[in-house]
C-alpha atoms as a PDB file:
ATOM      1  CA  MET A   1     -11.598  -2.862  -5.111  1.00  0.00           C
ATOM      2  CA  LYS A   2     -13.702  -3.613  -2.032  1.00  0.00           C
ATOM      3  CA  LYS A   3     -12.445  -3.926   1.689  1.00  0.00           C
ATOM      4  CA  ILE A   4     -10.248  -6.637   1.703  1.00  0.00           C
ATOM      5  CA  SER A   5     -10.993  -9.124   4.328  1.00  0.00           C
ATOM      6  CA  ARG A   6      -9.159 -12.322   2.771  1.00  0.00           C
ATOM      7  CA  LEU A   7      -6.496 -13.066   0.439  1.00  0.00           C
ATOM      8  CA  ARG A   8      -5.821 -15.715  -2.003  1.00  0.00           C
ATOM      9  CA  GLU A   9      -2.464 -17.466  -2.380  1.00  0.00           C
ATOM     10  CA  GLY A  10       0.021 -15.177  -3.839  1.00  0.00           C
ATOM     11  CA  GLU A  11      -1.887 -11.821  -2.845  1.00  0.00           C
ATOM     12  CA  VAL A  12      -0.232  -9.096  -0.659  1.00  0.00           C
ATOM     13  CA  PHE A  13      -2.133  -6.511   1.323  1.00  0.00           C
ATOM     14  CA  VAL A  14      -0.492  -3.226   0.747  1.00  0.00           C
ATOM     15  CA  PHE A  15      -1.364  -0.582   3.486  1.00  0.00           C
ATOM     16  CA  GLY A  16      -0.543   2.679   4.854  1.00  0.00           C
ATOM     17  CA  SER A  17       1.662   2.773   7.991  1.00  0.00           C
ATOM     18  CA  ASN A  18       3.687   5.202  10.272  1.00  0.00           C
ATOM     19  CA  SER A  19       7.417   4.821  10.378  1.00  0.00           C
ATOM     20  CA  ALA A  20       7.252   3.435  13.733  1.00  0.00           C
ATOM     21  CA  GLY A  21       4.904   0.357  12.738  1.00  0.00           C
ATOM     22  CA  ALA A  22       2.241   1.079  15.330  1.00  0.00           C
ATOM     23  CA  HIS A  23      -0.601  -0.742  13.732  1.00  0.00           C
ATOM     24  CA  GLY A  24      -3.338   0.300  15.775  1.00  0.00           C
ATOM     25  CA  ALA A  25      -6.272   1.410  13.476  1.00  0.00           C
ATOM     26  CA  GLY A  26      -7.725   1.040  10.097  1.00  0.00           C
ATOM     27  CA  ALA A  27      -6.135  -0.785   7.376  1.00  0.00           C
ATOM     28  CA  ALA A  28      -2.971  -1.233   9.331  1.00  0.00           C
ATOM     29  CA  ARG A  29      -4.624  -2.955  12.151  1.00  0.00           C
ATOM     30  CA  THR A  30      -6.160  -5.333   9.488  1.00  0.00           C
ATOM     31  CA  ALA A  31      -2.535  -5.961   8.335  1.00  0.00           C
ATOM     32  CA  TRP A  32      -1.244  -6.706  11.707  1.00  0.00           C
ATOM     33  CA  LYS A  33      -4.385  -8.767  12.853  1.00  0.00           C
ATOM     34  CA  LYS A  34      -4.834 -10.882   9.626  1.00  0.00           C
ATOM     35  CA  PHE A  35      -2.040 -10.420   7.128  1.00  0.00           C
ATOM     36  CA  GLY A  36       1.328 -10.777   8.932  1.00  0.00           C
ATOM     37  CA  ALA A  37       2.290  -7.266   9.517  1.00  0.00           C
ATOM     38  CA  VAL A  38       4.907  -6.809  12.199  1.00  0.00           C
ATOM     39  CA  TRP A  39       4.333  -4.397  15.009  1.00  0.00           C
ATOM     40  CA  GLY A  40       7.216  -2.046  15.002  1.00  0.00           C
ATOM     41  CA  GLU A  41       7.926  -2.569  11.248  1.00  0.00           C
ATOM     42  CA  GLY A  42       6.547   0.458   9.384  1.00  0.00           C
ATOM     43  CA  HIS A  43       8.037  -0.274   5.981  1.00  0.00           C
ATOM     44  CA  GLY A  44       8.248  -3.241   3.513  1.00  0.00           C
ATOM     45  CA  HIS A  45       6.991  -6.826   3.167  1.00  0.00           C
ATOM     46  CA  HIS A  46       5.981  -9.035   6.151  1.00  0.00           C
ATOM     47  CA  GLY A  47       3.940 -11.908   6.046  1.00  0.00           C
ATOM     48  CA  SER A  48       1.097 -11.262   3.408  1.00  0.00           C
ATOM     49  CA  SER A  49       1.402  -7.658   3.940  1.00  0.00           C
ATOM     50  CA  TYR A  50       3.387  -4.637   2.731  1.00  0.00           C
ATOM     51  CA  ALA A  51       3.781  -1.438   4.794  1.00  0.00           C
ATOM     52  CA  ILE A  52       4.219   1.999   3.116  1.00  0.00           C
ATOM     53  CA  ASP A  53       4.954   4.908   5.523  1.00  0.00           C
ATOM     54  CA  THR A  54       2.259   7.454   4.899  1.00  0.00           C
ATOM     55  CA  MET A  55       2.762   9.895   7.836  1.00  0.00           C
ATOM     56  CA  SER A  56       6.228  11.247   7.304  1.00  0.00           C
ATOM     57  CA  GLY A  57       5.303  13.756   4.688  1.00  0.00           C
ATOM     58  CA  LEU A  58       4.148  13.701   0.976  1.00  0.00           C
ATOM     59  CA  SER A  59       7.822  13.568  -0.478  1.00  0.00           C
ATOM     60  CA  GLU A  60       8.471  10.501   1.954  1.00  0.00           C
ATOM     61  CA  LEU A  61       5.338   8.878   0.827  1.00  0.00           C
ATOM     62  CA  SER A  62       6.319   9.302  -2.877  1.00  0.00           C
ATOM     63  CA  ALA A  63       9.830   7.677  -2.250  1.00  0.00           C
ATOM     64  CA  GLU A  64       7.986   4.850  -0.515  1.00  0.00           C
ATOM     65  CA  ILE A  65       5.715   4.299  -3.242  1.00  0.00           C
ATOM     66  CA  GLU A  66       8.697   4.312  -5.629  1.00  0.00           C
ATOM     67  CA  ARG A  67      10.644   1.608  -3.468  1.00  0.00           C
ATOM     68  CA  PHE A  68       7.450  -0.386  -3.369  1.00  0.00           C
ATOM     69  CA  CYS A  69       7.045  -0.284  -7.115  1.00  0.00           C
ATOM     70  CA  ASP A  70      10.448  -1.395  -7.615  1.00  0.00           C
ATOM     71  CA  TYR A  71      10.097  -4.207  -5.152  1.00  0.00           C
ATOM     72  CA  ALA A  72       6.743  -5.443  -6.952  1.00  0.00           C
ATOM     73  CA  ARG A  73       8.730  -5.454 -10.337  1.00  0.00           C
ATOM     74  CA  THR A  74      10.911  -8.183  -8.551  1.00  0.00           C
ATOM     75  CA  ARG A  75       8.046 -10.205  -7.542  1.00  0.00           C
ATOM     76  CA  PRO A  76       5.892 -10.847 -10.502  1.00  0.00           C
ATOM     77  CA  ASP A  77       4.738 -14.093  -8.896  1.00  0.00           C
ATOM     78  CA  LEU A  78       2.839 -11.839  -6.336  1.00  0.00           C
ATOM     79  CA  SER A  79      -0.363  -9.583  -6.722  1.00  0.00           C
ATOM     80  CA  PHE A  80      -0.225  -6.526  -4.658  1.00  0.00           C
ATOM     81  CA  LEU A  81      -3.650  -5.356  -3.380  1.00  0.00           C
ATOM     82  CA  VAL A  82      -3.381  -1.593  -2.540  1.00  0.00           C
ATOM     83  CA  THR A  83      -5.530  -0.041  -0.190  1.00  0.00           C
ATOM     84  CA  GLU A  84      -6.483   3.686  -0.334  1.00  0.00           C
ATOM     85  CA  ILE A  85      -3.119   4.518   1.533  1.00  0.00           C
ATOM     86  CA  GLY A  86      -2.600   8.040   2.743  1.00  0.00           C
ATOM     87  CA  CYS A  87      -6.267   8.916   2.313  1.00  0.00           C
ATOM     88  CA  GLY A  88      -7.195   8.302   6.106  1.00  0.00           C
ATOM     89  CA  THR A  89      -5.422   9.317   9.141  1.00  0.00           C
ATOM     90  CA  ALA A  90      -2.418  10.623   6.978  1.00  0.00           C
ATOM     91  CA  GLY A  91      -5.011  13.106   5.422  1.00  0.00           C
ATOM     92  CA  TYR A  92      -4.202  13.178   1.662  1.00  0.00           C
ATOM     93  CA  SER A  93      -6.659  12.954  -0.942  1.00  0.00           C
ATOM     94  CA  ALA A  94      -6.851  10.322  -3.652  1.00  0.00           C
ATOM     95  CA  GLU A  95      -5.743  13.024  -6.048  1.00  0.00           C
ATOM     96  CA  GLN A  96      -2.651  13.579  -4.446  1.00  0.00           C
ATOM     97  CA  VAL A  97      -1.781   9.910  -3.872  1.00  0.00           C
ATOM     98  CA  ALA A  98      -2.998   8.198  -6.957  1.00  0.00           C
ATOM     99  CA  PRO A  99      -0.522   9.851  -9.474  1.00  0.00           C
ATOM    100  CA  LEU A 100       2.388   8.613  -7.281  1.00  0.00           C
ATOM    101  CA  PHE A 101       1.510   5.016  -8.715  1.00  0.00           C
ATOM    102  CA  SER A 102       1.657   5.815 -12.195  1.00  0.00           C
ATOM    103  CA  SER A 103       4.698   3.725 -12.869  1.00  0.00           C
ATOM    104  CA  ALA A 104       3.414   0.715 -10.976  1.00  0.00           C
ATOM    105  CA  PRO A 105       3.860  -2.677 -12.640  1.00  0.00           C
ATOM    106  CA  ASP A 106       0.833  -4.703 -13.752  1.00  0.00           C
ATOM    107  CA  ASN A 107       1.070  -6.969 -10.551  1.00  0.00           C
ATOM    108  CA  VAL A 108      -0.046  -3.963  -8.374  1.00  0.00           C
ATOM    109  CA  LYS A 109      -3.891  -3.781  -8.135  1.00  0.00           C
ATOM    110  CA  LEU A 110      -5.070  -0.176  -7.189  1.00  0.00           C
ATOM    111  CA  PRO A 111      -8.358   0.764  -5.612  1.00  0.00           C
ATOM    112  CA  ALA A 112     -10.870   2.284  -8.150  1.00  0.00           C
ATOM    113  CA  SER A 113     -10.299   5.674  -6.769  1.00  0.00           C
ATOM    114  CA  PHE A 114      -6.685   5.596  -7.476  1.00  0.00           C
ATOM    115  CA  VAL A 115      -7.392   3.782 -10.989  1.00  0.00           C
ATOM    116  CA  ARG A 116      -9.445   6.645 -12.186  1.00  0.00           C
ATOM    117  CA  LEU A 117      -6.743   9.300 -11.385  1.00  0.00           C
ATOM    118  CA  SER A 118      -3.487   7.336 -12.231  1.00  0.00           C
ATOM    119  CA  ALA A 119      -1.923   8.592 -15.423  1.00  0.00           C
ATOM    120  CA  GLY A 120      -0.210   5.750 -17.327  1.00  0.00           C
ATOM    121  CA  ARG A 121      -2.390   2.855 -16.101  1.00  0.00           C
ATOM    122  CA  ASP A 122      -5.337   1.282 -17.663  1.00  0.00           C
END
């Protein structure tokens, strides 16, 4: 998946955030400026975006991704476009983050770097 600059109807931009929802740079800034992310909200679905806290440790990131996947299952009408969350400012590698999406439903679209590394996904 290339850099996301536009969304189609029913698409949601999934990005890495901090728990405080300070969306000042990178994909978080894009989410805030273009896709309805709310400043001060570092978790969940807002507008056409979904924030996942990547800055509170790997165990919290894992829990956030699990909650996100559970949410995505309840919204089969939407397509969730996941950015390379956790692989920028948070400092994790794709090898660390991609397996956390192994149980993601089909309406979750992962970046190519994650797809190659995610067990259980096609």
